[in-house]
Amino acid sequence: MAHIVLEGFHPKDGDFIPAGPTVVEGIVNGTPVQALCGKVWVPGRDPQRYPLCPTCKEIAQSLGWKQPSG
């Protein structure tokens, strides 16, 4: 499964707030990342080759986020 990772956000008034390691950091440094569904892993494969995790998708939809194209 491909998962959605929250890397951080920009509040209306303020600077970017990181939420944890980015996917790129995970790939380059071997740092684990955490998906919206709670899965923790070290990314290393092309996520476009896999279906989107239904739990991540449901959480993203409930928050009104745009779905990643895939």
C-alpha atoms as a PDB file:
ATOM      1  CA  MET A   1       0.000   0.000   0.000  1.00  0.00           C
ATOM      2  CA  ALA A   2       0.983   3.610  -0.558  1.00  0.00           C
ATOM      3  CA  HIS A   3       0.410   5.858   2.457  1.00  0.00           C
ATOM      4  CA  ILE A   4      -0.068   9.591   3.058  1.00  0.00           C
ATOM      5  CA  VAL A   5       2.597  11.184   5.282  1.00  0.00           C
ATOM      6  CA  LEU A   6       1.947  14.546   6.967  1.00  0.00           C
ATOM      7  CA  GLU A   7       5.278  16.344   6.711  1.00  0.00           C
ATOM      8  CA  GLY A   8       4.083  19.582   8.292  1.00  0.00           C
ATOM      9  CA  PHE A   9       1.768  22.513   7.740  1.00  0.00           C
ATOM     10  CA  HIS A  10       1.622  26.280   7.341  1.00  0.00           C
ATOM     11  CA  PRO A  11      -0.686  27.976   9.863  1.00  0.00           C
ATOM     12  CA  LYS A  12      -2.511  31.087   8.665  1.00  0.00           C
ATOM     13  CA  ASP A  13      -0.244  33.321  10.740  1.00  0.00           C
ATOM     14  CA  GLY A  14       3.212  31.832  11.001  1.00  0.00           C
ATOM     15  CA  ASP A  15       5.990  29.767   9.593  1.00  0.00           C
ATOM     16  CA  PHE A  16       5.977  26.151   8.467  1.00  0.00           C
ATOM     17  CA  ILE A  17       5.681  23.685  11.363  1.00  0.00           C
ATOM     18  CA  PRO A  18       7.298  20.301  10.692  1.00  0.00           C
ATOM     19  CA  ALA A  19       5.316  17.242  11.824  1.00  0.00           C
ATOM     20  CA  GLY A  20       8.194  14.801  11.596  1.00  0.00           C
ATOM     21  CA  PRO A  21      10.694  13.448   9.112  1.00  0.00           C
ATOM     22  CA  THR A  22       9.825  13.994   5.460  1.00  0.00           C
ATOM     23  CA  VAL A  23       9.578  11.181   2.951  1.00  0.00           C
ATOM     24  CA  VAL A  24      12.740  12.464   1.260  1.00  0.00           C
ATOM     25  CA  GLU A  25      14.610  12.350   4.594  1.00  0.00           C
ATOM     26  CA  GLY A  26      13.354   8.831   5.060  1.00  0.00           C
ATOM     27  CA  ILE A  27      14.615   7.715   1.679  1.00  0.00           C
ATOM     28  CA  VAL A  28      17.987   9.475   1.904  1.00  0.00           C
ATOM     29  CA  ASN A  29      18.796   8.931   5.591  1.00  0.00           C
ATOM     30  CA  GLY A  30      16.844   5.758   6.313  1.00  0.00           C
ATOM     31  CA  THR A  31      14.679   7.653   8.813  1.00  0.00           C
ATOM     32  CA  PRO A  32      11.266   6.141   9.617  1.00  0.00           C
ATOM     33  CA  VAL A  33       8.186   8.205   8.729  1.00  0.00           C
ATOM     34  CA  GLN A  34       4.615   7.904  10.010  1.00  0.00           C
ATOM     35  CA  ALA A  35       1.515   7.730   7.837  1.00  0.00           C
ATOM     36  CA  LEU A  36      -1.868   9.212   8.713  1.00  0.00           C
ATOM     37  CA  CYS A  37      -3.084   5.689   9.505  1.00  0.00           C
ATOM     38  CA  GLY A  38      -0.287   5.224  12.041  1.00  0.00           C
ATOM     39  CA  LYS A  39       1.969   2.912  10.030  1.00  0.00           C
ATOM     40  CA  VAL A  40       5.670   3.631  10.636  1.00  0.00           C
ATOM     41  CA  TRP A  41       8.263   2.532   8.059  1.00  0.00           C
ATOM     42  CA  VAL A  42      11.367   3.587   6.164  1.00  0.00           C
ATOM     43  CA  PRO A  43      10.248   4.596   2.652  1.00  0.00           C
ATOM     44  CA  GLY A  44      12.125   3.144  -0.254  1.00  0.00           C
ATOM     45  CA  ARG A  45       9.718   2.181  -3.032  1.00  0.00           C
ATOM     46  CA  ASP A  46       7.803   4.149  -5.658  1.00  0.00           C
ATOM     47  CA  PRO A  47       4.379   4.762  -4.048  1.00  0.00           C
ATOM     48  CA  GLN A  48       2.706   5.258  -7.434  1.00  0.00           C
ATOM     49  CA  ARG A  49       3.098   1.531  -8.063  1.00  0.00           C
ATOM     50  CA  TYR A  50       0.747   0.673  -5.173  1.00  0.00           C
ATOM     51  CA  PRO A  51      -2.889   1.376  -4.259  1.00  0.00           C
ATOM     52  CA  LEU A  52      -3.559   4.103  -1.692  1.00  0.00           C
ATOM     53  CA  CYS A  53      -4.133   2.892   1.871  1.00  0.00           C
ATOM     54  CA  PRO A  54      -7.904   3.102   2.471  1.00  0.00           C
ATOM     55  CA  THR A  55      -7.428   4.328   6.053  1.00  0.00           C
ATOM     56  CA  CYS A  56      -5.082   7.147   4.975  1.00  0.00           C
ATOM     57  CA  LYS A  57      -7.528   8.063   2.206  1.00  0.00           C
ATOM     58  CA  GLU A  58     -10.484   8.123   4.621  1.00  0.00           C
ATOM     59  CA  ILE A  59      -8.610  10.326   7.104  1.00  0.00           C
ATOM     60  CA  ALA A  60      -7.506  12.734   4.351  1.00  0.00           C
ATOM     61  CA  GLN A  61     -11.064  12.955   3.001  1.00  0.00           C
ATOM     62  CA  SER A  62     -12.458  13.631   6.477  1.00  0.00           C
ATOM     63  CA  LEU A  63     -10.034  16.552   6.777  1.00  0.00           C
ATOM     64  CA  GLY A  64     -11.107  17.909   3.373  1.00  0.00           C
ATOM     65  CA  TRP A  65      -7.693  17.391   1.764  1.00  0.00           C
ATOM     66  CA  LYS A  66      -7.180  16.921  -1.957  1.00  0.00           C
ATOM     67  CA  GLN A  67      -6.437  13.327  -2.856  1.00  0.00           C
ATOM     68  CA  PRO A  68      -3.000  12.606  -4.293  1.00  0.00           C
ATOM     69  CA  SER A  69      -3.100  11.693  -7.953  1.00  0.00           C
ATOM     70  CA  GLY A  70      -2.067   8.175  -8.666  1.00  0.00           C
END
